[in-house]
Amino acid sequence: MRVIVAFIWAVLISSALAYILSSMANEMFNFTQALGLSISMIVAVMIIDGVLSSFTKSVE
């Protein structure tokens, strides 16, 4: 459930970011680019979560 919610938020935030940046550059909105950005964001968040979780478990 946590991964699904994180993926939905990543898609929404990256789509909004891509829309704003493309609007500022007077270009068309590219959903494929926004989807690629959201996939990279969710992978980065999952990696950081895994590293931090293993770090806190090893300290205890």
N, C-alpha and C. Protein backbone atom coordinates (compact mmCIF):
# COMPACT_ATOMS: atom_id res chain seq x y z
N MET A 1 0.82 -1.20 0.00
CA MET A 1 0.00 0.00 0.00
C MET A 1 0.87 1.26 0.00
N ARG A 2 1.96 1.20 0.77
CA ARG A 2 2.84 2.36 0.88
C ARG A 2 3.48 2.69 -0.46
N VAL A 3 3.84 1.65 -1.22
CA VAL A 3 4.48 1.87 -2.51
C VAL A 3 3.48 2.44 -3.51
N ILE A 4 2.24 2.00 -3.46
CA ILE A 4 1.21 2.49 -4.38
C ILE A 4 0.94 3.96 -4.14
N VAL A 5 0.81 4.35 -2.89
CA VAL A 5 0.56 5.75 -2.56
C VAL A 5 1.75 6.62 -2.96
N ALA A 6 2.96 6.12 -2.72
CA ALA A 6 4.15 6.87 -3.12
C ALA A 6 4.22 7.03 -4.64
N PHE A 7 3.84 6.00 -5.38
CA PHE A 7 3.84 6.08 -6.84
C PHE A 7 2.81 7.09 -7.33
N ILE A 8 1.63 7.10 -6.73
CA ILE A 8 0.59 8.06 -7.13
C ILE A 8 1.06 9.49 -6.86
N TRP A 9 1.63 9.74 -5.69
CA TRP A 9 2.13 11.08 -5.38
C TRP A 9 3.27 11.47 -6.30
N ALA A 10 4.14 10.53 -6.63
CA ALA A 10 5.25 10.83 -7.54
C ALA A 10 4.74 11.21 -8.91
N VAL A 11 3.71 10.51 -9.40
CA VAL A 11 3.14 10.83 -10.71
C VAL A 11 2.49 12.22 -10.67
N LEU A 12 1.75 12.51 -9.62
CA LEU A 12 1.08 13.80 -9.53
C LEU A 12 2.07 14.96 -9.43
N ILE A 13 3.06 14.82 -8.58
CA ILE A 13 4.03 15.90 -8.38
C ILE A 13 4.89 16.11 -9.61
N SER A 14 5.36 15.02 -10.22
CA SER A 14 6.20 15.19 -11.40
C SER A 14 5.41 15.68 -12.60
N SER A 15 4.14 15.31 -12.70
CA SER A 15 3.31 15.84 -13.79
C SER A 15 3.09 17.33 -13.62
N ALA A 16 2.85 17.76 -12.39
CA ALA A 16 2.68 19.19 -12.14
C ALA A 16 3.97 19.95 -12.42
N LEU A 17 5.09 19.38 -12.03
CA LEU A 17 6.38 20.01 -12.28
C LEU A 17 6.67 20.09 -13.78
N ALA A 18 6.41 19.02 -14.51
CA ALA A 18 6.64 19.02 -15.96
C ALA A 18 5.70 20.00 -16.65
N TYR A 19 4.46 20.10 -16.19
CA TYR A 19 3.51 21.04 -16.79
C TYR A 19 3.96 22.49 -16.57
N ILE A 20 4.39 22.79 -15.37
CA ILE A 20 4.82 24.16 -15.06
C ILE A 20 6.06 24.53 -15.86
N LEU A 21 7.03 23.62 -15.91
CA LEU A 21 8.26 23.92 -16.63
C LEU A 21 8.03 24.01 -18.13
N SER A 22 7.18 23.15 -18.69
CA SER A 22 6.90 23.24 -20.12
C SER A 22 6.08 24.48 -20.44
N SER A 23 5.23 24.90 -19.53
CA SER A 23 4.46 26.12 -19.73
C SER A 23 5.37 27.35 -19.70
N MET A 24 6.35 27.34 -18.82
CA MET A 24 7.28 28.46 -18.75
C MET A 24 8.16 28.53 -20.00
N ALA A 25 8.43 27.39 -20.62
CA ALA A 25 9.27 27.36 -21.81
C ALA A 25 8.46 27.45 -23.10
N ASN A 26 7.15 27.63 -22.99
CA ASN A 26 6.25 27.69 -24.14
C ASN A 26 6.35 26.45 -25.03
N GLU A 27 6.41 25.28 -24.40
CA GLU A 27 6.44 24.01 -25.11
C GLU A 27 5.22 23.19 -24.74
N MET A 28 4.97 22.15 -25.52
CA MET A 28 3.83 21.28 -25.23
C MET A 28 4.15 20.38 -24.04
N PHE A 29 3.12 20.03 -23.28
CA PHE A 29 3.27 19.15 -22.13
C PHE A 29 3.48 17.73 -22.63
N ASN A 30 4.53 17.06 -22.15
CA ASN A 30 4.86 15.71 -22.55
C ASN A 30 4.64 14.78 -21.37
N PHE A 31 3.56 13.97 -21.43
CA PHE A 31 3.24 13.09 -20.31
C PHE A 31 4.26 11.97 -20.18
N THR A 32 4.84 11.52 -21.28
CA THR A 32 5.84 10.46 -21.21
C THR A 32 7.05 10.90 -20.41
N GLN A 33 7.46 12.12 -20.61
CA GLN A 33 8.58 12.66 -19.85
C GLN A 33 8.22 12.76 -18.37
N ALA A 34 7.01 13.18 -18.07
CA ALA A 34 6.57 13.28 -16.68
C ALA A 34 6.50 11.90 -16.03
N LEU A 35 6.06 10.90 -16.80
CA LEU A 35 5.99 9.54 -16.26
C LEU A 35 7.39 9.00 -15.99
N GLY A 36 8.33 9.28 -16.87
CA GLY A 36 9.71 8.86 -16.64
C GLY A 36 10.30 9.52 -15.41
N LEU A 37 9.99 10.79 -15.22
CA LEU A 37 10.46 11.50 -14.03
C LEU A 37 9.85 10.90 -12.77
N SER A 38 8.58 10.54 -12.81
CA SER A 38 7.94 9.96 -11.63
C SER A 38 8.49 8.59 -11.31
N ILE A 39 8.81 7.79 -12.32
CA ILE A 39 9.40 6.48 -12.06
C ILE A 39 10.77 6.63 -11.43
N SER A 40 11.55 7.58 -11.91
CA SER A 40 12.86 7.80 -11.31
C SER A 40 12.74 8.32 -9.88
N MET A 41 11.72 9.14 -9.61
CA MET A 41 11.51 9.64 -8.25
C MET A 41 11.14 8.52 -7.29
N ILE A 42 10.26 7.61 -7.72
CA ILE A 42 9.83 6.53 -6.83
C ILE A 42 10.98 5.55 -6.58
N VAL A 43 11.81 5.31 -7.58
CA VAL A 43 12.96 4.43 -7.38
C VAL A 43 13.94 5.07 -6.40
N ALA A 44 14.17 6.36 -6.53
CA ALA A 44 15.07 7.06 -5.62
C ALA A 44 14.54 7.03 -4.19
N VAL A 45 13.26 7.23 -4.02
CA VAL A 45 12.66 7.22 -2.68
C VAL A 45 12.76 5.83 -2.07
N MET A 46 12.52 4.79 -2.87
CA MET A 46 12.60 3.42 -2.35
C MET A 46 14.04 3.07 -1.96
N ILE A 47 15.02 3.51 -2.74
CA ILE A 47 16.42 3.24 -2.40
C ILE A 47 16.81 3.96 -1.12
N ILE A 48 16.44 5.23 -1.01
CA ILE A 48 16.76 6.00 0.20
C ILE A 48 16.08 5.39 1.42
N ASP A 49 14.84 4.95 1.27
CA ASP A 49 14.12 4.31 2.37
C ASP A 49 14.82 3.02 2.80
N GLY A 50 15.25 2.24 1.85
CA GLY A 50 15.94 0.99 2.18
C GLY A 50 17.27 1.23 2.88
N VAL A 51 18.01 2.22 2.41
CA VAL A 51 19.31 2.53 3.02
C VAL A 51 19.11 3.05 4.44
N LEU A 52 18.17 3.95 4.63
CA LEU A 52 17.95 4.50 5.97
C LEU A 52 17.39 3.45 6.92
N SER A 53 16.53 2.56 6.44
CA SER A 53 15.99 1.51 7.30
C SER A 53 17.08 0.55 7.74
N SER A 54 17.95 0.16 6.82
CA SER A 54 19.03 -0.76 7.19
C SER A 54 20.04 -0.08 8.10
N PHE A 55 20.24 1.21 7.93
CA PHE A 55 21.17 1.94 8.78
C PHE A 55 20.65 2.02 10.21
N THR A 56 19.36 2.30 10.39
CA THR A 56 18.82 2.40 11.74
C THR A 56 18.75 1.04 12.42
N LYS A 57 18.53 -0.03 11.65
CA LYS A 57 18.51 -1.38 12.24
C LYS A 57 19.91 -1.80 12.67
N SER A 58 20.94 -1.41 11.93
CA SER A 58 22.30 -1.80 12.28
C SER A 58 22.82 -1.02 13.48
N VAL A 59 22.30 0.17 13.71
CA VAL A 59 22.72 0.97 14.86
C VAL A 59 22.16 0.38 16.15
N GLU A 60 20.95 -0.13 16.10
CA GLU A 60 20.32 -0.69 17.30
C GLU A 60 20.91 -2.00 17.57
